[in-house]
Structures are given as C-alpha cells and as structure tokens.
Amino acid sequence: MNKSVFILPVIVILIAAILSSIFIVDEREKVLVLRFGRVVQTIDEPGLNFRIPLMDQVVTYDDRIISIDMAAQEVIPSDDRRLIVDAFARYRIVNLERIRQATGAGGDQAIAIADQRLENILNAETRTVLGEVTSGDILSTDRDALMLRIRNAAIAEASALGIEVIDVRLKRTDLPSQNLERTFERMVSERQREAEDERARGREAATRITALADRTVVELESDASREAQIVQGEADASRNAVFAQAYGQDTEFFEFYRSLEAYREGLATGNARLVMTPPEDFFDYLRSPNGNVAE
C-alpha cells in the first residue's frame, strides 16, 4: 500500500516528462531548439521531435512566403519630378540562426521586426534605384527591370537578417496631390500649343494650295483668252475674206447689202435720233424706186 502511494506519483511524473519532451513541427514552420538561450538544433522538416524538458526551449518560425506592404514614400527621379511610390515585397525565412540573432525573438514578433527592417532596406534601395532614372521610365508600363534592380540590391542586406527577398513590386506611382493641378495645367498648355502648331501648319498649307489654285486659274484664263482671240481673229479674217470675195463678184450688190445693214442698225426701235440733210448719201437706196443708187 505504501509502495503504490510512491509509485503512482513517479509514474505520473515520468509520463508528464515524456509528454513534455515531445513536440511536433508543422509543415508550415521551422523550429529552433535553444538550450539555455544557445541554439542546439535547427529543424527544417515537419514531424515528431524530442527535447529535454526544463532545459530546451522550442522557438517556431513561419516557413511560408511572407508579404509586406510598404508605406507609400516620395521619390525624386533624375528629372526632379516628385513621385509617390507604393510597393510591396515577398520574402521567406531561410536562416533561423541569423533571424534569431537579428531580431532576438521568434514567432510573430520576429516577423514583425523583420518586416520593419526589410521595409527600411527596400525604401532606401527604391529611392536609390528610382533616383537614377526619369519619371517617364517609372510611370511606363515596362518597369520590370527597375523592380528587379531593387530586389537584387536588397538581397545582400536582407541576407544578414536570415531572409531571402523573392519579389518586389511597384503597386502605384502617382504625382503628389499638390503637383497634380500644375501637371494638368502643363498638359493642357502643351496640348494647346500642339493644336496651335497644327492650325498654323493647316493655314500655311491652305495658303499654299490657294495660291497654286489662283495661279492655275490665271494660267487657264490666259490660255483660254489667247485661244479665243486666235479663233476670233481667224473668224474675222474668214469673214473679211468672204466679204472681199463677194465685193469682187458684185460691187453694187455688196454696197446694197452693207447699206441695208446700216439701215437696220441706225433705224432700230429705241430712243436714237438721226439728224442729217436729205441729200446725204446715207439715203441713196431709200430715194431710189428701183433700189439702185440715185444718180
């Protein structure tokens, strides 16, 4: 009876000691085993493990990819055009001893400290890299090379924390609010200047086309007038030749025909008045009863 009183507590203590010496590493974690604050074991694989109770301390670290959102910061590119840059990064813990030395903590507290230090590193590298290029390069859609440069520059410093920077991405690059209005006004002025240049070129082209058209019209009118005068001269010459031929064949008839033309023009209906003496030659054919010239 007395032995059972002593054995039962011993058994309980042994079971408790065995249970406290067993710990399980999750597949999403990595573990450091510390003995009196000194690292004695690093466990990277999931499974069942053992420790010395009361002597060993198990510190867990996240083995997954961790994302951090960096606070928006102002950068000054090489063309002195201020920009607000918002970025994020992804990293993974790769060296448990280094992150333990750098942060002096484990679990979520270690991640919080690592996030803050990595953000400081990335902010400095972002200002350095983006300060070497123009704002046009930063605002363009093809900026993968810039993000790769920031990542590569941060890898060396981040390795001292026991972490590996996997990726850095620029989420947003905008102008500061105080510069938006000036930028908009400058854009409007540039568009107005371009529009005025286009209008000036249009007026110049219109003037050139109008001058060419006017010259073409003058040339066409001149050619037409010259051809008309040639045709009219040829017609007059032909008419005079006909008249001359007719006059040569019958002189009296030709004189009679010309007198009738003169009567028609001179005695046409209108306000015209003829004042002359009766013996005038103009009425020779009118005074003759036979239509001949009066003798």
Protein backbone atom coordinates (compact mmCIF):
# COMPACT_ATOMS: atom_id res chain seq x y z
CA MET A 1 0.00 0.00 0.00
CA ASN A 2 2.78 2.39 0.88
CA LYS A 3 4.70 1.46 -2.30
CA SER A 4 1.74 2.24 -4.52
CA VAL A 5 1.45 5.65 -2.90
CA PHE A 6 5.01 6.46 -4.04
CA ILE A 7 4.97 4.65 -7.41
CA LEU A 8 1.86 6.37 -8.77
CA PRO A 9 3.26 9.90 -8.49
CA VAL A 10 6.50 8.73 -10.04
CA ILE A 11 4.64 7.24 -12.97
CA VAL A 12 2.67 10.43 -13.42
CA ILE A 13 5.83 12.48 -13.32
CA LEU A 14 7.52 10.21 -15.86
CA ILE A 15 4.53 10.39 -18.20
CA ALA A 16 4.43 14.18 -17.87
CA ALA A 17 8.18 14.36 -18.53
CA ILE A 18 7.86 12.18 -21.62
CA LEU A 19 4.94 14.19 -22.93
CA SER A 20 6.70 17.50 -22.32
CA SER A 21 9.76 16.24 -24.18
CA ILE A 22 7.75 15.56 -27.32
CA PHE A 23 6.87 18.34 -29.79
CA ILE A 24 5.53 18.32 -33.33
CA VAL A 25 6.87 20.52 -36.13
CA ASP A 26 4.13 21.65 -38.52
CA GLU A 27 4.84 21.61 -42.26
CA ARG A 28 4.32 25.38 -42.33
CA GLU A 29 7.01 26.00 -39.69
CA LYS A 30 10.70 25.78 -38.95
CA VAL A 31 11.98 25.31 -35.42
CA LEU A 32 14.99 26.33 -33.34
CA VAL A 33 15.76 24.37 -30.18
CA LEU A 34 17.51 26.57 -27.62
CA ARG A 35 19.25 25.24 -24.54
CA PHE A 36 19.76 27.97 -22.00
CA GLY A 37 19.49 30.51 -24.88
CA ARG A 38 22.04 28.78 -27.10
CA VAL A 39 21.00 27.15 -30.39
CA VAL A 40 21.45 23.40 -30.21
CA GLN A 41 19.26 22.22 -33.06
CA THR A 42 17.59 23.52 -36.24
CA ILE A 43 14.64 21.56 -37.55
CA ASP A 44 13.51 22.24 -41.12
CA GLU A 45 11.36 19.15 -41.72
CA PRO A 46 7.89 18.51 -40.30
CA GLY A 47 7.34 15.60 -37.88
CA LEU A 48 7.71 14.37 -34.31
CA ASN A 49 10.75 15.56 -32.35
CA PHE A 50 12.12 15.47 -28.80
CA ARG A 51 13.67 17.94 -26.37
CA ILE A 52 14.99 17.96 -22.84
CA PRO A 53 12.27 19.27 -20.56
CA LEU A 54 13.03 22.36 -18.49
CA MET A 55 16.29 22.85 -20.38
CA ASP A 56 15.34 23.19 -24.02
CA GLN A 57 13.14 25.90 -25.48
CA VAL A 58 11.36 25.42 -28.82
CA VAL A 59 11.06 28.58 -30.97
CA THR A 60 8.97 28.41 -34.15
CA TYR A 61 9.29 30.50 -37.32
CA ASP A 62 6.96 30.72 -40.29
CA ASP A 63 8.25 28.73 -43.30
CA ARG A 64 5.77 30.22 -45.79
CA ILE A 65 6.25 33.14 -48.17
CA ILE A 66 5.53 36.34 -46.28
CA SER A 67 4.21 39.52 -47.89
CA ILE A 68 4.69 43.05 -46.62
CA ASP A 69 3.01 46.22 -47.85
CA MET A 70 5.47 49.08 -47.81
CA ALA A 71 4.28 52.51 -46.79
CA ALA A 72 3.93 54.99 -49.65
CA GLN A 73 7.00 57.19 -49.97
CA GLU A 74 8.08 60.15 -52.08
CA VAL A 75 10.95 59.65 -54.51
CA ILE A 76 12.74 62.15 -56.73
CA PRO A 77 13.75 60.77 -60.16
CA SER A 78 16.65 62.15 -62.17
CA ASP A 79 14.39 64.76 -63.84
CA ASP A 80 13.42 66.20 -60.40
CA ARG A 81 9.76 65.33 -60.87
CA ARG A 82 8.48 64.14 -57.49
CA LEU A 83 6.51 60.88 -57.37
CA ILE A 84 4.62 58.96 -54.69
CA VAL A 85 5.58 55.27 -54.88
CA ASP A 86 3.62 52.47 -53.22
CA ALA A 87 5.17 48.99 -53.30
CA PHE A 88 5.04 45.55 -51.73
CA ALA A 89 7.54 42.72 -51.29
CA ARG A 90 7.56 38.99 -50.62
CA TYR A 91 10.23 37.13 -48.69
CA ARG A 92 10.95 33.83 -46.90
CA ILE A 93 12.94 32.98 -43.77
CA VAL A 94 15.91 30.86 -44.87
CA ASN A 95 18.34 31.04 -41.93
CA LEU A 96 16.83 30.61 -38.47
CA GLU A 97 20.03 31.36 -36.53
CA ARG A 98 20.54 34.67 -38.33
CA ILE A 99 16.99 35.85 -37.84
CA ARG A 100 17.25 34.85 -34.17
CA GLN A 101 20.41 36.90 -33.79
CA ALA A 102 18.99 39.85 -35.76
CA THR A 103 15.63 40.03 -34.01
CA GLY A 104 16.22 38.29 -30.68
CA ALA A 105 12.72 36.84 -30.91
CA GLY A 106 10.66 34.16 -32.55
CA GLY A 107 7.22 33.64 -33.99
CA ASP A 108 5.13 36.66 -34.91
CA GLN A 109 7.39 39.05 -33.02
CA ALA A 110 10.37 38.05 -35.14
CA ILE A 111 8.34 38.51 -38.32
CA ALA A 112 7.20 41.97 -37.21
CA ILE A 113 10.80 43.06 -36.53
CA ALA A 114 11.99 41.52 -39.82
CA ASP A 115 9.19 43.29 -41.72
CA GLN A 116 10.22 46.66 -40.32
CA ARG A 117 13.93 46.20 -41.06
CA LEU A 118 13.28 44.84 -44.54
CA GLU A 119 10.96 47.75 -45.31
CA ASN A 120 13.72 50.18 -44.32
CA ILE A 121 16.14 48.37 -46.65
CA LEU A 122 13.68 48.34 -49.54
CA ASN A 123 12.75 52.00 -49.07
CA ALA A 124 16.41 53.01 -49.28
CA GLU A 125 17.04 50.86 -52.35
CA THR A 126 13.84 52.13 -54.00
CA ARG A 127 14.93 55.75 -53.59
CA THR A 128 18.40 54.92 -54.90
CA VAL A 129 17.27 52.97 -57.99
CA LEU A 130 14.40 55.25 -58.94
CA GLY A 131 16.57 58.32 -58.39
CA GLU A 132 18.82 57.18 -61.26
CA VAL A 133 16.04 57.10 -63.90
CA THR A 134 13.48 59.55 -65.23
CA SER A 135 9.85 59.78 -64.16
CA GLY A 136 8.86 58.58 -67.63
CA ASP A 137 10.70 55.30 -67.01
CA ILE A 138 8.96 54.88 -63.66
CA LEU A 139 5.49 55.72 -64.97
CA SER A 140 5.82 53.45 -68.01
CA THR A 141 4.19 50.03 -68.06
CA ASP A 142 7.53 48.31 -68.75
CA ARG A 143 9.31 48.72 -65.41
CA ASP A 144 10.16 45.12 -64.56
CA ALA A 145 13.87 45.93 -64.85
CA LEU A 146 13.56 48.60 -62.15
CA MET A 147 11.80 46.22 -59.75
CA LEU A 148 14.44 43.57 -60.41
CA ARG A 149 17.20 46.07 -59.62
CA ILE A 150 15.53 46.98 -56.32
CA ARG A 151 15.15 43.29 -55.41
CA ASN A 152 18.75 42.41 -56.28
CA ALA A 153 20.09 45.40 -54.37
CA ALA A 154 18.12 44.40 -51.25
CA ILE A 155 19.09 40.71 -51.31
CA ALA A 156 22.57 41.19 -49.83
CA GLU A 157 21.38 43.33 -46.92
CA ALA A 158 18.36 41.12 -46.30
CA SER A 159 20.53 38.02 -46.10
CA ALA A 160 22.04 39.41 -42.88
CA LEU A 161 18.56 39.09 -41.38
CA GLY A 162 18.34 35.46 -42.45
CA ILE A 163 15.65 36.13 -45.04
CA GLU A 164 15.53 35.89 -48.85
CA VAL A 165 13.76 38.59 -50.85
CA ILE A 166 11.72 36.82 -53.51
CA ASP A 167 9.99 39.68 -55.28
CA VAL A 168 9.45 43.45 -55.18
CA ARG A 169 6.55 45.10 -56.99
CA LEU A 170 5.55 48.73 -57.53
CA LYS A 171 1.80 48.90 -56.99
CA ARG A 172 1.24 52.58 -57.64
CA THR A 173 3.29 55.53 -58.88
CA ASP A 174 1.48 58.87 -58.75
CA LEU A 175 2.26 62.54 -58.60
CA PRO A 176 1.88 64.29 -55.23
CA SER A 177 -1.53 65.92 -54.86
CA GLN A 178 -0.03 69.42 -54.82
CA ASN A 179 1.59 68.78 -58.20
CA LEU A 180 -1.43 67.28 -59.94
CA GLU A 181 -3.03 70.63 -60.76
CA ARG A 182 0.21 72.10 -62.12
CA THR A 183 0.83 68.96 -64.13
CA PHE A 184 -2.68 69.08 -65.54
CA GLU A 185 -2.26 72.75 -66.49
CA ARG A 186 1.06 71.97 -68.15
CA MET A 187 -0.52 69.13 -70.09
CA VAL A 188 -3.34 71.45 -71.22
CA SER A 189 -0.80 74.09 -72.30
CA GLU A 190 1.21 71.51 -74.24
CA ARG A 191 -1.92 70.25 -76.00
CA GLN A 192 -2.97 73.84 -76.82
CA ARG A 193 0.48 74.56 -78.22
CA GLU A 194 0.37 71.39 -80.32
CA ALA A 195 -3.13 72.32 -81.55
CA GLU A 196 -1.97 75.83 -82.48
CA ASP A 197 1.02 74.37 -84.34
CA GLU A 198 -1.33 72.09 -86.26
CA ARG A 199 -3.62 75.02 -87.09
CA ALA A 200 -0.65 77.11 -88.24
CA ARG A 201 0.54 74.29 -90.48
CA GLY A 202 -3.01 73.96 -91.81
CA ARG A 203 -3.21 77.69 -92.58
CA GLU A 204 0.16 77.53 -94.31
CA ALA A 205 -0.95 74.57 -96.41
CA ALA A 206 -4.27 76.31 -97.22
CA THR A 207 -2.43 79.46 -98.35
CA ARG A 208 -0.08 77.42 -100.49
CA ILE A 209 -2.95 75.49 -102.08
CA THR A 210 -4.98 78.69 -102.65
CA ALA A 211 -2.02 80.42 -104.30
CA LEU A 212 -1.45 77.40 -106.53
CA ALA A 213 -5.15 77.33 -107.46
CA ASP A 214 -5.18 81.09 -108.19
CA ARG A 215 -2.13 80.75 -110.41
CA THR A 216 -3.72 77.82 -112.20
CA VAL A 217 -6.90 79.86 -112.76
CA VAL A 218 -4.91 82.79 -114.17
CA GLU A 219 -2.99 80.46 -116.46
CA LEU A 220 -6.17 78.75 -117.65
CA GLU A 221 -7.97 82.08 -118.23
CA SER A 222 -4.94 83.44 -120.06
CA ASP A 223 -4.71 80.37 -122.28
CA ALA A 224 -8.47 80.47 -122.93
CA SER A 225 -8.39 84.19 -123.75
CA ARG A 226 -5.46 83.71 -126.10
CA GLU A 227 -7.18 80.82 -127.87
CA ALA A 228 -10.44 82.83 -128.06
CA GLN A 229 -8.63 85.76 -129.62
CA ILE A 230 -6.96 83.44 -132.11
CA VAL A 231 -10.28 81.87 -133.04
CA GLN A 232 -11.97 85.28 -133.26
CA GLY A 233 -9.15 86.62 -135.41
CA GLU A 234 -9.38 83.61 -137.68
CA ALA A 235 -13.17 84.06 -137.88
CA ASP A 236 -12.81 87.78 -138.65
CA ALA A 237 -10.24 87.00 -141.29
CA SER A 238 -12.54 84.37 -142.81
CA ARG A 239 -15.45 86.79 -142.75
CA ASN A 240 -13.44 89.57 -144.34
CA ALA A 241 -12.27 87.13 -146.99
CA VAL A 242 -15.89 86.23 -147.75
CA PHE A 243 -16.84 89.90 -147.87
CA ALA A 244 -13.91 90.71 -150.13
CA GLN A 245 -14.78 87.84 -152.44
CA ALA A 246 -18.44 88.93 -152.54
CA TYR A 247 -17.44 92.55 -153.19
CA GLY A 248 -15.23 91.47 -156.03
CA GLN A 249 -18.00 89.46 -157.68
CA ASP A 250 -20.78 92.11 -157.48
CA THR A 251 -19.76 95.51 -156.20
CA GLU A 252 -23.21 97.05 -156.42
CA PHE A 253 -24.87 94.18 -154.52
CA PHE A 254 -22.23 94.39 -151.83
CA GLU A 255 -22.85 98.11 -151.37
CA PHE A 256 -26.61 97.45 -151.27
CA TYR A 257 -26.19 94.76 -148.60
CA ARG A 258 -23.98 96.98 -146.47
CA SER A 259 -26.49 99.83 -146.74
CA LEU A 260 -29.32 97.58 -145.55
CA GLU A 261 -27.19 96.56 -142.56
CA ALA A 262 -26.63 100.25 -141.81
CA TYR A 263 -30.38 100.97 -142.09
CA ARG A 264 -31.20 98.16 -139.69
CA GLU A 265 -28.70 99.32 -137.10
CA GLY A 266 -29.44 103.04 -137.48
CA LEU A 267 -33.24 102.86 -137.66
CA ALA A 268 -33.78 100.21 -134.95
CA THR A 269 -36.56 100.86 -132.39
CA GLY A 270 -35.29 102.95 -129.48
CA ASN A 271 -34.53 106.47 -128.39
CA ALA A 272 -31.86 107.05 -131.08
CA ARG A 273 -32.43 110.05 -133.39
CA LEU A 274 -30.70 110.81 -136.73
CA VAL A 275 -30.25 114.42 -137.76
CA MET A 276 -28.91 114.92 -141.32
CA THR A 277 -29.70 116.77 -144.53
CA PRO A 278 -31.86 114.99 -147.16
CA PRO A 279 -29.20 114.94 -149.88
CA GLU A 280 -26.99 112.83 -147.60
CA ASP A 281 -25.58 109.67 -149.27
CA PHE A 282 -26.94 107.56 -146.45
CA PHE A 283 -30.44 107.59 -148.05
CA ASP A 284 -29.41 106.87 -151.63
CA TYR A 285 -31.10 103.48 -151.73
CA LEU A 286 -34.21 104.73 -149.93
CA ARG A 287 -34.74 107.53 -152.53
CA SER A 288 -34.32 105.16 -155.46
CA PRO A 289 -37.62 103.49 -156.59
CA ASN A 290 -35.63 100.62 -158.18
CA GLY A 291 -33.31 100.01 -155.24
CA ASN A 292 -30.42 101.41 -157.22
CA VAL A 293 -28.12 104.20 -156.24
CA ALA A 294 -29.67 107.52 -157.25
CA GLU A 295 -27.76 109.26 -159.99
